[in-house]
Amino acid sequence: MKKLDKVIPFRTAYEPHKPCFFHTEGESLTQQHFQEECDIINIIKRHDRNGIIEHVHRGQARYGDFSEVTDYREALDLVKNAQEEFMTIPSDIRKQFDNNPGKFYEFVSNPANKDELKKMGFIQETQQAVAPSSATEPIPESVEPPIAQEPKE
């Protein structure tokens, strides 16, 4: 048998190791003014106060006629963009739909799920001002429909 010239030594957790440091050269790109906003303790405190995690960007729903997709690359880009948009939704909501954007689309497309979408925070409610003479009438609840947007090219 030949003796191996280069044998990698087996390391354990008890052996001393060399510290590894990273030094930034030039100006740092870290935006320190977001430090308080991104601190997990502050995020949990805000959630405990109002029950909403505010830093999650919900985005606007996009509806459109995509029948004019002309080629395979464009279709793939549309699917990729839809996947990326779906991934911006909080993980607990994605889990309800088995992390499947198609199931989520079917759910939000059904008008019967309007109340559930309000609970999830996808539909915001606004109240209209009522004239003082009609104070005995209940205030009508109006809901803003999602804004239709054309896909980005």
N, C-alpha and C. Protein backbone atom coordinates (compact mmCIF):
# COMPACT_ATOMS: atom_id res chain seq x y z
N MET A 1 0.83 -1.19 0.00
CA MET A 1 0.00 0.00 0.00
C MET A 1 0.86 1.25 0.00
N LYS A 2 0.39 2.30 -0.68
CA LYS A 2 1.11 3.56 -0.72
C LYS A 2 0.66 4.43 0.45
N LYS A 3 1.57 5.12 0.98
CA LYS A 3 1.26 6.06 2.06
C LYS A 3 0.83 7.38 1.42
N LEU A 4 -0.26 7.92 1.91
CA LEU A 4 -0.76 9.17 1.35
C LEU A 4 0.15 10.32 1.77
N ASP A 5 0.54 11.13 0.81
CA ASP A 5 1.41 12.26 1.11
C ASP A 5 0.66 13.38 1.82
N LYS A 6 -0.52 13.66 1.34
CA LYS A 6 -1.30 14.76 1.93
C LYS A 6 -2.53 14.18 2.61
N VAL A 7 -2.54 14.23 3.90
CA VAL A 7 -3.68 13.75 4.67
C VAL A 7 -4.32 14.95 5.35
N ILE A 8 -5.58 15.10 5.14
CA ILE A 8 -6.30 16.20 5.79
C ILE A 8 -6.58 15.78 7.23
N PRO A 9 -6.13 16.58 8.18
CA PRO A 9 -6.35 16.20 9.59
C PRO A 9 -7.82 16.32 9.97
N PHE A 10 -8.26 15.45 10.81
CA PHE A 10 -9.62 15.45 11.33
C PHE A 10 -9.70 16.50 12.43
N ARG A 11 -10.67 17.42 12.32
CA ARG A 11 -10.81 18.49 13.31
C ARG A 11 -12.00 18.20 14.21
N THR A 12 -11.86 18.62 15.44
CA THR A 12 -12.96 18.50 16.40
C THR A 12 -13.33 19.88 16.90
N ALA A 13 -14.41 19.96 17.62
CA ALA A 13 -14.86 21.24 18.16
C ALA A 13 -13.96 21.73 19.28
N TYR A 14 -13.10 20.88 19.80
CA TYR A 14 -12.28 21.25 20.95
C TYR A 14 -10.92 21.81 20.54
N GLU A 15 -10.60 21.75 19.28
CA GLU A 15 -9.33 22.28 18.82
C GLU A 15 -9.43 23.78 18.61
N PRO A 16 -8.36 24.50 18.88
CA PRO A 16 -8.39 25.94 18.62
C PRO A 16 -8.50 26.21 17.12
N HIS A 17 -9.14 27.28 16.78
CA HIS A 17 -9.30 27.62 15.37
C HIS A 17 -8.85 29.05 15.13
N LYS A 18 -8.58 29.36 13.89
CA LYS A 18 -8.17 30.69 13.53
C LYS A 18 -9.41 31.55 13.35
N PRO A 19 -9.46 32.73 13.97
CA PRO A 19 -10.61 33.60 13.74
C PRO A 19 -10.60 34.16 12.32
N CYS A 20 -11.77 34.36 11.79
CA CYS A 20 -11.92 34.86 10.43
C CYS A 20 -12.65 36.19 10.51
N PHE A 21 -12.07 37.22 9.95
CA PHE A 21 -12.68 38.55 10.00
C PHE A 21 -12.93 39.05 8.58
N PHE A 22 -13.95 39.89 8.48
CA PHE A 22 -14.26 40.52 7.21
C PHE A 22 -14.05 42.02 7.37
N HIS A 23 -13.31 42.60 6.48
CA HIS A 23 -13.05 44.04 6.53
C HIS A 23 -13.65 44.68 5.30
N THR A 24 -14.50 45.68 5.52
CA THR A 24 -15.12 46.40 4.42
C THR A 24 -14.13 47.43 3.91
N GLU A 25 -13.95 47.44 2.62
CA GLU A 25 -13.10 48.45 2.01
C GLU A 25 -13.99 49.46 1.33
N GLY A 26 -13.74 50.72 1.57
CA GLY A 26 -14.56 51.77 0.98
C GLY A 26 -15.79 52.01 1.83
N GLU A 27 -16.74 52.71 1.26
CA GLU A 27 -17.95 53.07 1.97
C GLU A 27 -18.88 51.86 2.10
N SER A 28 -19.44 51.66 3.29
CA SER A 28 -20.37 50.56 3.52
C SER A 28 -21.70 50.86 2.85
N LEU A 29 -22.34 49.86 2.30
CA LEU A 29 -23.65 50.04 1.65
C LEU A 29 -24.80 49.76 2.62
N THR A 30 -24.48 49.41 3.87
CA THR A 30 -25.51 49.15 4.86
C THR A 30 -26.22 50.46 5.22
N GLN A 31 -27.53 50.42 5.23
CA GLN A 31 -28.31 51.61 5.55
C GLN A 31 -28.69 51.56 7.01
N GLN A 32 -27.92 52.25 7.85
CA GLN A 32 -28.08 52.18 9.30
C GLN A 32 -29.37 52.82 9.79
N HIS A 33 -30.00 53.68 9.01
CA HIS A 33 -31.22 54.35 9.47
C HIS A 33 -32.40 53.38 9.56
N PHE A 34 -32.25 52.14 9.07
CA PHE A 34 -33.31 51.14 9.20
C PHE A 34 -33.10 50.23 10.41
N GLN A 35 -32.11 50.51 11.24
CA GLN A 35 -31.75 49.63 12.35
C GLN A 35 -32.92 49.42 13.31
N GLU A 36 -33.56 50.49 13.77
CA GLU A 36 -34.67 50.36 14.72
C GLU A 36 -35.86 49.66 14.07
N GLU A 37 -36.11 49.95 12.81
CA GLU A 37 -37.24 49.38 12.09
C GLU A 37 -37.08 47.88 11.88
N CYS A 38 -35.85 47.40 11.74
CA CYS A 38 -35.59 45.99 11.45
C CYS A 38 -35.30 45.17 12.70
N ASP A 39 -35.21 45.79 13.84
CA ASP A 39 -34.94 45.06 15.08
C ASP A 39 -36.13 44.17 15.42
N ILE A 40 -35.89 42.88 15.61
CA ILE A 40 -36.98 41.92 15.82
C ILE A 40 -37.78 42.25 17.07
N ILE A 41 -37.14 42.77 18.09
CA ILE A 41 -37.85 43.14 19.32
C ILE A 41 -38.89 44.23 19.02
N ASN A 42 -38.49 45.23 18.24
CA ASN A 42 -39.42 46.31 17.88
C ASN A 42 -40.55 45.81 16.98
N ILE A 43 -40.25 44.89 16.08
CA ILE A 43 -41.29 44.33 15.20
C ILE A 43 -42.32 43.58 16.03
N ILE A 44 -41.87 42.78 17.00
CA ILE A 44 -42.79 42.01 17.85
C ILE A 44 -43.62 42.96 18.72
N LYS A 45 -43.01 44.00 19.25
CA LYS A 45 -43.76 44.97 20.07
C LYS A 45 -44.86 45.64 19.25
N ARG A 46 -44.54 46.04 18.01
CA ARG A 46 -45.58 46.66 17.16
C ARG A 46 -46.69 45.65 16.85
N HIS A 47 -46.31 44.39 16.63
CA HIS A 47 -47.31 43.36 16.35
C HIS A 47 -48.20 43.15 17.57
N ASP A 48 -47.62 43.14 18.77
CA ASP A 48 -48.42 42.96 19.98
C ASP A 48 -49.38 44.12 20.19
N ARG A 49 -48.97 45.33 19.78
CA ARG A 49 -49.83 46.51 19.94
C ARG A 49 -51.02 46.50 19.00
N ASN A 50 -50.76 46.28 17.70
CA ASN A 50 -51.85 46.43 16.74
C ASN A 50 -52.19 45.15 15.96
N GLY A 51 -51.47 44.06 16.19
CA GLY A 51 -51.79 42.79 15.55
C GLY A 51 -51.40 42.69 14.09
N ILE A 52 -50.61 43.64 13.60
CA ILE A 52 -50.22 43.64 12.19
C ILE A 52 -48.70 43.72 12.11
N ILE A 53 -48.14 42.91 11.25
CA ILE A 53 -46.71 43.03 10.98
C ILE A 53 -46.60 44.02 9.82
N GLU A 54 -46.14 45.23 10.14
CA GLU A 54 -46.21 46.33 9.19
C GLU A 54 -45.12 46.30 8.13
N HIS A 55 -43.99 45.69 8.40
CA HIS A 55 -42.89 45.77 7.46
C HIS A 55 -43.06 44.87 6.24
N VAL A 56 -44.08 44.03 6.23
CA VAL A 56 -44.31 43.14 5.09
C VAL A 56 -44.99 43.94 3.99
N HIS A 57 -44.37 43.98 2.84
CA HIS A 57 -44.93 44.70 1.71
C HIS A 57 -45.92 43.79 0.99
N ARG A 58 -47.18 44.15 1.02
CA ARG A 58 -48.21 43.29 0.44
C ARG A 58 -48.31 43.45 -1.07
N GLY A 59 -47.99 44.62 -1.59
CA GLY A 59 -48.04 44.81 -3.04
C GLY A 59 -49.47 44.91 -3.55
N GLN A 60 -49.61 45.25 -4.79
CA GLN A 60 -50.91 45.37 -5.43
C GLN A 60 -51.16 44.15 -6.30
N ALA A 61 -52.41 43.71 -6.31
CA ALA A 61 -52.77 42.59 -7.17
C ALA A 61 -52.72 43.05 -8.63
N ARG A 62 -52.30 42.16 -9.49
CA ARG A 62 -52.24 42.49 -10.91
C ARG A 62 -53.21 41.61 -11.67
N TYR A 63 -54.09 42.28 -12.39
CA TYR A 63 -55.04 41.58 -13.23
C TYR A 63 -54.82 42.09 -14.65
N GLY A 64 -54.94 41.23 -15.59
CA GLY A 64 -54.77 41.69 -16.95
C GLY A 64 -55.09 40.60 -17.95
N ASP A 65 -55.17 41.00 -19.19
CA ASP A 65 -55.40 40.08 -20.28
C ASP A 65 -54.04 39.65 -20.80
N PHE A 66 -53.67 38.40 -20.54
CA PHE A 66 -52.37 37.90 -20.96
C PHE A 66 -52.48 37.00 -22.18
N SER A 67 -53.59 37.10 -22.88
CA SER A 67 -53.78 36.28 -24.07
C SER A 67 -52.88 36.73 -25.22
N GLU A 68 -52.29 37.90 -25.10
CA GLU A 68 -51.44 38.43 -26.16
C GLU A 68 -49.97 38.03 -26.00
N VAL A 69 -49.69 37.10 -25.10
CA VAL A 69 -48.32 36.63 -24.94
C VAL A 69 -47.90 35.98 -26.25
N THR A 70 -46.80 36.46 -26.80
CA THR A 70 -46.44 36.03 -28.15
C THR A 70 -45.40 34.91 -28.21
N ASP A 71 -44.53 34.81 -27.22
CA ASP A 71 -43.50 33.78 -27.32
C ASP A 71 -43.26 33.09 -25.98
N TYR A 72 -42.53 32.02 -26.05
CA TYR A 72 -42.26 31.19 -24.87
C TYR A 72 -41.49 31.94 -23.80
N ARG A 73 -40.50 32.72 -24.19
CA ARG A 73 -39.68 33.48 -23.23
C ARG A 73 -40.55 34.46 -22.44
N GLU A 74 -41.44 35.14 -23.12
CA GLU A 74 -42.33 36.10 -22.46
C GLU A 74 -43.26 35.39 -21.49
N ALA A 75 -43.76 34.22 -21.88
CA ALA A 75 -44.62 33.43 -21.00
C ALA A 75 -43.85 32.99 -19.76
N LEU A 76 -42.59 32.55 -19.94
CA LEU A 76 -41.77 32.16 -18.79
C LEU A 76 -41.52 33.33 -17.85
N ASP A 77 -41.29 34.51 -18.43
CA ASP A 77 -41.07 35.70 -17.61
C ASP A 77 -42.31 36.04 -16.79
N LEU A 78 -43.50 35.89 -17.40
CA LEU A 78 -44.74 36.16 -16.67
C LEU A 78 -44.91 35.18 -15.51
N VAL A 79 -44.62 33.90 -15.75
CA VAL A 79 -44.73 32.90 -14.70
C VAL A 79 -43.72 33.19 -13.59
N LYS A 80 -42.50 33.53 -13.96
CA LYS A 80 -41.46 33.84 -12.98
C LYS A 80 -41.87 35.04 -12.13
N ASN A 81 -42.38 36.09 -12.76
CA ASN A 81 -42.82 37.28 -12.03
C ASN A 81 -43.97 36.95 -11.08
N ALA A 82 -44.89 36.09 -11.52
CA ALA A 82 -45.99 35.69 -10.65
C ALA A 82 -45.47 34.91 -9.44
N GLN A 83 -44.49 34.04 -9.66
CA GLN A 83 -43.88 33.30 -8.55
C GLN A 83 -43.23 34.25 -7.56
N GLU A 84 -42.48 35.24 -8.07
CA GLU A 84 -41.80 36.21 -7.21
C GLU A 84 -42.81 37.01 -6.40
N GLU A 85 -43.90 37.43 -7.04
CA GLU A 85 -44.94 38.18 -6.33
C GLU A 85 -45.56 37.32 -5.23
N PHE A 86 -45.80 36.04 -5.54
CA PHE A 86 -46.40 35.13 -4.56
C PHE A 86 -45.47 34.95 -3.37
N MET A 87 -44.17 34.94 -3.60
CA MET A 87 -43.21 34.75 -2.52
C MET A 87 -43.12 35.95 -1.60
N THR A 88 -43.69 37.10 -1.98
CA THR A 88 -43.69 38.27 -1.09
C THR A 88 -44.81 38.19 -0.06
N ILE A 89 -45.74 37.26 -0.24
CA ILE A 89 -46.83 37.07 0.71
C ILE A 89 -46.26 36.36 1.93
N PRO A 90 -46.72 36.71 3.15
CA PRO A 90 -46.20 36.04 4.35
C PRO A 90 -46.33 34.52 4.26
N SER A 91 -45.38 33.82 4.86
CA SER A 91 -45.29 32.36 4.73
C SER A 91 -46.50 31.63 5.30
N ASP A 92 -47.11 32.18 6.35
CA ASP A 92 -48.27 31.49 6.92
C ASP A 92 -49.45 31.49 5.95
N ILE A 93 -49.59 32.55 5.17
CA ILE A 93 -50.66 32.61 4.17
C ILE A 93 -50.32 31.70 2.99
N ARG A 94 -49.05 31.70 2.56
CA ARG A 94 -48.65 30.79 1.47
C ARG A 94 -48.88 29.34 1.86
N LYS A 95 -48.64 29.01 3.12
CA LYS A 95 -48.80 27.63 3.59
C LYS A 95 -50.26 27.18 3.47
N GLN A 96 -51.21 28.12 3.69
CA GLN A 96 -52.63 27.77 3.57
C GLN A 96 -52.96 27.30 2.15
N PHE A 97 -52.17 27.74 1.18
CA PHE A 97 -52.42 27.38 -0.22
C PHE A 97 -51.37 26.41 -0.73
N ASP A 98 -50.75 25.65 0.19
CA ASP A 98 -49.73 24.64 -0.16
C ASP A 98 -48.59 25.23 -0.98
N ASN A 99 -48.27 26.51 -0.75
CA ASN A 99 -47.22 27.22 -1.49
C ASN A 99 -47.43 27.13 -3.00
N ASN A 100 -48.70 27.15 -3.40
CA ASN A 100 -49.06 27.01 -4.81
C ASN A 100 -49.73 28.31 -5.27
N PRO A 101 -49.08 29.09 -6.15
CA PRO A 101 -49.69 30.33 -6.62
C PRO A 101 -51.01 30.11 -7.36
N GLY A 102 -51.16 28.97 -8.01
CA GLY A 102 -52.41 28.67 -8.72
C GLY A 102 -53.59 28.55 -7.78
N LYS A 103 -53.39 27.87 -6.64
CA LYS A 103 -54.45 27.76 -5.64
C LYS A 103 -54.78 29.12 -5.05
N PHE A 104 -53.73 29.93 -4.83
CA PHE A 104 -53.96 31.27 -4.29
C PHE A 104 -54.75 32.11 -5.29
N TYR A 105 -54.41 32.02 -6.58
CA TYR A 105 -55.12 32.77 -7.60
C TYR A 105 -56.60 32.38 -7.66
N GLU A 106 -56.88 31.08 -7.59
CA GLU A 106 -58.27 30.61 -7.60
C GLU A 106 -59.03 31.17 -6.40
N PHE A 107 -58.36 31.22 -5.23
CA PHE A 107 -59.01 31.71 -4.01
C PHE A 107 -59.34 33.20 -4.13
N VAL A 108 -58.37 34.03 -4.56
CA VAL A 108 -58.62 35.46 -4.64
C VAL A 108 -59.53 35.84 -5.79
N SER A 109 -59.67 34.96 -6.78
CA SER A 109 -60.56 35.24 -7.91
C SER A 109 -62.02 34.96 -7.58
N ASN A 110 -62.28 34.25 -6.50
CA ASN A 110 -63.64 33.90 -6.11
C ASN A 110 -64.23 35.02 -5.25
N PRO A 111 -65.30 35.69 -5.70
CA PRO A 111 -65.90 36.78 -4.94
C PRO A 111 -66.45 36.33 -3.57
N ALA A 112 -66.74 35.05 -3.41
CA ALA A 112 -67.27 34.56 -2.14
C ALA A 112 -66.21 34.62 -1.03
N ASN A 113 -64.96 34.77 -1.38
CA ASN A 113 -63.88 34.80 -0.39
C ASN A 113 -63.50 36.22 0.03
N LYS A 114 -64.37 37.18 -0.26
CA LYS A 114 -64.09 38.59 0.01
C LYS A 114 -63.82 38.84 1.50
N ASP A 115 -64.65 38.26 2.37
CA ASP A 115 -64.47 38.48 3.81
C ASP A 115 -63.15 37.89 4.31
N GLU A 116 -62.79 36.73 3.81
CA GLU A 116 -61.53 36.11 4.21
C GLU A 116 -60.34 36.94 3.73
N LEU A 117 -60.44 37.52 2.53
CA LEU A 117 -59.37 38.38 2.02
C LEU A 117 -59.23 39.63 2.87
N LYS A 118 -60.34 40.14 3.41
CA LYS A 118 -60.27 41.29 4.32
C LYS A 118 -59.51 40.91 5.58
N LYS A 119 -59.81 39.71 6.13
CA LYS A 119 -59.12 39.26 7.33
C LYS A 119 -57.63 39.09 7.10
N MET A 120 -57.25 38.63 5.91
CA MET A 120 -55.84 38.43 5.57
C MET A 120 -55.12 39.75 5.30
N GLY A 121 -55.89 40.81 5.06
CA GLY A 121 -55.27 42.11 4.81
C GLY A 121 -55.06 42.44 3.35
N PHE A 122 -55.64 41.69 2.44
CA PHE A 122 -55.47 41.96 1.02
C PHE A 122 -56.45 43.00 0.51
N ILE A 123 -57.56 43.18 1.21
CA ILE A 123 -58.54 44.20 0.84
C ILE A 123 -58.63 45.16 2.01
N GLN A 124 -58.45 46.45 1.73
CA GLN A 124 -58.53 47.46 2.77
C GLN A 124 -59.91 48.11 2.73
N GLU A 125 -60.48 48.28 3.91
CA GLU A 125 -61.80 48.89 4.00
C GLU A 125 -61.64 50.39 4.21
N THR A 126 -62.53 51.18 3.59
CA THR A 126 -62.56 52.62 3.81
C THR A 126 -64.00 53.00 4.09
N GLN A 127 -64.16 53.98 4.96
CA GLN A 127 -65.51 54.45 5.27
C GLN A 127 -65.69 55.83 4.66
N GLN A 128 -66.87 56.05 4.08
CA GLN A 128 -67.17 57.34 3.48
C GLN A 128 -67.74 58.26 4.54
N ALA A 129 -67.48 59.55 4.41
CA ALA A 129 -68.02 60.53 5.35
C ALA A 129 -69.53 60.64 5.15
N VAL A 130 -70.28 60.76 6.24
CA VAL A 130 -71.73 60.83 6.19
C VAL A 130 -72.15 62.21 6.66
N ALA A 131 -73.12 62.80 5.97
CA ALA A 131 -73.61 64.13 6.34
C ALA A 131 -74.29 64.05 7.71
N PRO A 132 -74.20 65.12 8.55
CA PRO A 132 -74.79 65.09 9.89
C PRO A 132 -76.30 64.87 9.89
N SER A 133 -77.01 65.22 8.82
CA SER A 133 -78.46 65.05 8.79
C SER A 133 -78.86 63.57 8.72
N SER A 134 -77.99 62.73 8.26
CA SER A 134 -78.32 61.31 8.14
C SER A 134 -77.63 60.50 9.23
N ALA A 135 -77.57 61.03 10.44
CA ALA A 135 -76.86 60.37 11.53
C ALA A 135 -77.55 59.09 11.99
N THR A 136 -78.86 58.96 11.71
CA THR A 136 -79.57 57.76 12.14
C THR A 136 -79.35 56.59 11.19
N GLU A 137 -78.90 56.87 9.96
CA GLU A 137 -78.65 55.81 8.99
C GLU A 137 -77.28 55.20 9.24
N PRO A 138 -77.17 53.89 9.03
CA PRO A 138 -75.85 53.28 9.21
C PRO A 138 -74.86 53.75 8.15
N ILE A 139 -73.61 53.78 8.52
CA ILE A 139 -72.57 54.20 7.59
C ILE A 139 -72.32 53.07 6.59
N PRO A 140 -72.45 53.36 5.30
CA PRO A 140 -72.21 52.29 4.32
C PRO A 140 -70.72 51.95 4.27
N GLU A 141 -70.46 50.68 4.13
CA GLU A 141 -69.08 50.21 4.05
C GLU A 141 -68.72 50.05 2.60
N SER A 142 -67.65 50.71 2.20
CA SER A 142 -67.21 50.56 0.81
C SER A 142 -65.83 49.93 0.81
N VAL A 143 -65.61 49.10 -0.16
CA VAL A 143 -64.34 48.40 -0.28
C VAL A 143 -63.71 48.78 -1.60
N GLU A 144 -62.44 49.18 -1.55
CA GLU A 144 -61.74 49.52 -2.78
C GLU A 144 -61.38 48.24 -3.53
N PRO A 145 -61.75 48.16 -4.81
CA PRO A 145 -61.38 46.97 -5.58
C PRO A 145 -59.89 47.01 -5.89
N PRO A 146 -59.26 45.85 -6.15
CA PRO A 146 -57.86 45.84 -6.53
C PRO A 146 -57.64 46.63 -7.81
N ILE A 147 -56.50 47.27 -7.91
CA ILE A 147 -56.18 48.09 -9.08
C ILE A 147 -55.62 47.20 -10.17
N ALA A 148 -56.19 47.34 -11.35
CA ALA A 148 -55.70 46.56 -12.49
C ALA A 148 -54.44 47.20 -13.01
N GLN A 149 -53.39 46.42 -13.19
CA GLN A 149 -52.14 46.94 -13.71
C GLN A 149 -51.67 46.05 -14.84
N GLU A 150 -51.03 46.68 -15.79
CA GLU A 150 -50.45 45.91 -16.88
C GLU A 150 -49.15 45.30 -16.39
N PRO A 151 -48.78 44.14 -16.89
CA PRO A 151 -47.52 43.51 -16.48
C PRO A 151 -46.31 44.34 -16.90
N LYS A 152 -45.26 44.30 -16.08
CA LYS A 152 -44.02 45.02 -16.39
C LYS A 152 -43.30 44.32 -17.54
N GLU A 153 -42.72 45.11 -18.41
CA GLU A 153 -41.99 44.52 -19.54
C GLU A 153 -40.53 44.82 -19.40
